[in-house]
Amino acid sequence: MQVDFDAKLDAVVWKGTCETCGKEAQATLRALLDQADNGHDYEEGSPRGGIVCTNQECGERWYLTNMCYKDPYLTCGKYHNHCSLCKGFGLCLADYRTAHCTVCGQHYFRGISGFSCQVCRGRREEEYILNSIPGYRETIEHNRRLDRSARGSRDREIQADGCTIS
């Protein structure tokens, strides 16, 4: 299977065989650019997939995935996921349940339930915010110091009256 990466937008850049009816399936560069980055719609017949069977009676749609590695293959969409958060044009991840961690920048198995990143051990999103907004971390730390200082003054006053703070 060859993909012509220098083709015009409406030129057919991929041809293969429809896995449903065995007839020719093809994709234009334009269709692949319009193809969704993930195949979440695979149970609905992959309407956002870039590959369409040329057999009018079949009309099956597919995703062409793994193009980043120049080894494209057809999939219903369940194993099509393109990370658009990665640098450049992104990166093929295969499984739609894989996610890009906004904290550590690595990919991890999110599942359909939204598991935490196993790479950075689930550091919270707040930590990402603290590191990404200039001055935000300093403001939060300053407010915490003020709060501790106010609490310390209050604790000393209470201890002066003979009370114990637990």
Protein backbone atom coordinates (compact mmCIF):
# COMPACT_ATOMS: atom_id res chain seq x y z
CA MET A 1 0.00 0.00 0.00
CA GLN A 2 1.46 3.36 -1.03
CA VAL A 3 0.34 6.87 -0.12
CA ASP A 4 1.25 9.69 -2.50
CA PHE A 5 2.04 12.55 -0.11
CA ASP A 6 2.66 15.02 -2.99
CA ALA A 7 -0.83 14.71 -4.55
CA LYS A 8 -3.26 17.56 -5.21
CA LEU A 9 -6.18 17.95 -2.75
CA ASP A 10 -8.75 16.15 -4.91
CA ALA A 11 -6.37 13.50 -6.18
CA VAL A 12 -6.84 9.95 -4.95
CA VAL A 13 -3.93 9.33 -2.57
CA TRP A 14 -4.92 5.93 -1.22
CA LYS A 15 -6.63 2.91 -2.73
CA GLY A 16 -7.43 -0.32 -1.02
CA THR A 17 -10.12 -2.91 -0.55
CA CYS A 18 -13.33 -2.38 1.39
CA GLU A 19 -13.38 -4.84 4.28
CA THR A 20 -17.19 -5.14 4.02
CA CYS A 21 -17.84 -5.90 0.34
CA GLY A 22 -14.36 -6.48 -1.12
CA LYS A 23 -14.68 -3.71 -3.72
CA GLU A 24 -12.29 -0.79 -4.13
CA ALA A 25 -12.19 1.87 -1.42
CA GLN A 26 -10.32 5.12 -1.91
CA ALA A 27 -9.54 8.46 -0.32
CA THR A 28 -8.56 11.87 -1.60
CA LEU A 29 -6.12 14.08 0.24
CA ARG A 30 -9.00 16.49 0.91
CA ALA A 31 -11.08 13.70 2.52
CA LEU A 32 -8.17 12.68 4.72
CA LEU A 33 -7.61 16.27 5.84
CA ASP A 34 -11.33 16.45 6.73
CA GLN A 35 -11.19 13.11 8.52
CA ALA A 36 -11.73 13.37 12.28
CA ASP A 37 -8.70 13.03 14.58
CA ASN A 38 -10.35 10.19 16.48
CA GLY A 39 -12.85 7.46 15.68
CA HIS A 40 -15.32 7.93 18.52
CA ASP A 41 -18.11 7.49 15.97
CA TYR A 42 -17.12 3.92 15.00
CA GLU A 43 -20.36 2.45 16.40
CA GLU A 44 -22.34 4.81 14.16
CA GLY A 45 -20.66 3.68 10.93
CA SER A 46 -17.68 6.08 11.04
CA PRO A 47 -19.39 9.02 9.28
CA ARG A 48 -16.32 11.24 9.84
CA GLY A 49 -13.92 8.72 8.32
CA GLY A 50 -12.02 9.74 5.17
CA ILE A 51 -12.31 6.44 3.25
CA VAL A 52 -15.50 5.69 1.33
CA CYS A 53 -16.23 2.44 -0.49
CA THR A 54 -16.77 3.12 -4.21
CA ASN A 55 -19.54 0.48 -4.33
CA GLN A 56 -22.77 2.51 -4.14
CA GLU A 57 -24.66 -0.42 -2.58
CA CYS A 58 -22.12 -0.69 0.23
CA GLY A 59 -21.08 2.93 0.92
CA GLU A 60 -19.10 1.84 4.01
CA ARG A 61 -16.85 4.47 5.62
CA TRP A 62 -13.50 3.86 7.25
CA TYR A 63 -10.64 5.74 8.79
CA LEU A 64 -7.18 5.67 7.32
CA THR A 65 -4.90 5.60 10.32
CA ASN A 66 -1.18 5.35 11.10
CA MET A 67 -0.31 7.83 8.35
CA CYS A 68 2.22 9.50 10.68
CA TYR A 69 4.37 6.41 10.40
CA LYS A 70 3.87 6.12 6.60
CA ASP A 71 2.25 2.73 7.17
CA PRO A 72 -1.46 3.54 6.74
CA TYR A 73 -4.19 0.98 7.20
CA LEU A 74 -8.00 0.90 7.33
CA THR A 75 -9.85 0.87 10.63
CA CYS A 76 -13.46 1.33 11.65
CA GLY A 77 -12.29 4.13 13.93
CA LYS A 78 -11.99 2.31 17.23
CA TYR A 79 -8.24 2.19 16.75
CA HIS A 80 -7.88 5.61 15.16
CA ASN A 81 -6.67 8.45 17.34
CA HIS A 82 -4.49 11.34 16.25
CA CYS A 83 -3.12 13.53 19.02
CA SER A 84 -3.45 17.15 17.93
CA LEU A 85 -1.80 18.37 21.16
CA CYS A 86 1.59 16.99 20.12
CA LYS A 87 4.05 19.33 18.42
CA GLY A 88 3.94 19.85 14.68
CA PHE A 89 1.11 18.01 12.96
CA GLY A 90 0.49 15.72 15.91
CA LEU A 91 1.02 11.99 16.28
CA CYS A 92 -0.96 8.81 15.59
CA LEU A 93 -1.83 7.04 18.85
CA ALA A 94 -3.94 4.18 17.47
CA ASP A 95 -6.37 3.51 20.36
CA TYR A 96 -9.09 6.15 20.83
CA ARG A 97 -8.83 5.61 24.60
CA THR A 98 -5.27 6.97 24.67
CA ALA A 99 -4.91 10.60 25.77
CA HIS A 100 -2.30 13.35 25.89
CA CYS A 101 -1.52 14.40 29.47
CA THR A 102 -1.58 18.19 29.76
CA VAL A 103 0.63 17.98 32.86
CA CYS A 104 3.60 15.88 31.72
CA GLY A 105 3.03 15.86 27.94
CA GLN A 106 3.14 12.06 27.68
CA HIS A 107 0.46 9.72 26.29
CA TYR A 108 -1.38 7.36 28.61
CA PHE A 109 -4.37 5.02 28.69
CA ARG A 110 -7.34 7.18 29.70
CA GLY A 111 -9.97 4.55 28.96
CA ILE A 112 -13.59 5.58 28.62
CA SER A 113 -13.83 6.41 32.32
CA GLY A 114 -11.14 9.09 32.32
CA PHE A 115 -8.31 7.44 34.27
CA SER A 116 -5.47 9.66 35.51
CA CYS A 117 -2.13 9.70 33.77
CA GLN A 118 -0.02 6.71 34.81
CA VAL A 119 3.17 8.47 33.61
CA CYS A 120 3.13 11.38 36.06
CA ARG A 121 1.11 9.42 38.61
CA GLY A 122 -1.95 11.59 38.28
CA ARG A 123 -0.62 14.98 39.33
CA ARG A 124 -3.65 17.18 39.34
CA GLU A 125 -4.64 19.70 36.71
CA GLU A 126 -4.16 22.48 39.28
CA GLU A 127 -0.43 21.73 39.24
CA TYR A 128 -0.45 22.22 35.47
CA ILE A 129 -2.23 25.56 35.92
CA LEU A 130 0.22 26.61 38.63
CA ASN A 131 3.12 25.96 36.27
CA SER A 132 1.61 27.38 33.09
CA ILE A 133 0.24 30.80 34.13
CA PRO A 134 3.04 33.29 34.82
CA GLY A 135 2.90 34.62 38.37
CA TYR A 136 -0.01 32.39 39.40
CA ARG A 137 2.10 30.01 41.51
CA GLU A 138 3.77 32.93 43.30
CA THR A 139 0.39 34.52 44.05
CA ILE A 140 -1.00 31.27 45.47
CA GLU A 141 2.12 30.69 47.60
CA HIS A 142 2.03 34.30 48.86
CA ASN A 143 -1.62 33.89 49.88
CA ARG A 144 -0.81 30.60 51.64
CA ARG A 145 2.01 32.27 53.60
CA LEU A 146 -0.35 35.09 54.63
CA ASP A 147 -2.94 32.54 55.68
CA ARG A 148 -0.39 30.54 57.71
CA SER A 149 0.90 33.75 59.28
CA ALA A 150 -2.61 34.84 60.28
CA ARG A 151 -3.32 31.36 61.64
CA GLY A 152 -0.03 31.40 63.60
CA SER A 153 -0.95 34.74 65.25
CA ARG A 154 -4.37 33.42 66.16
CA ASP A 155 -2.86 30.18 67.56
CA ARG A 156 -0.41 32.12 69.74
CA GLU A 157 -3.26 34.24 71.13
CA ILE A 158 -5.28 31.13 71.98
CA GLN A 159 -2.29 29.41 73.62
CA ALA A 160 -1.66 32.53 75.65
CA ASP A 161 -5.13 32.08 77.15
CA GLY A 162 -4.17 28.54 78.24
CA CYS A 163 -6.07 26.69 75.48
CA THR A 164 -4.60 23.79 73.50
CA ILE A 165 -4.90 23.75 69.72
CA SER A 166 -5.24 20.31 68.13
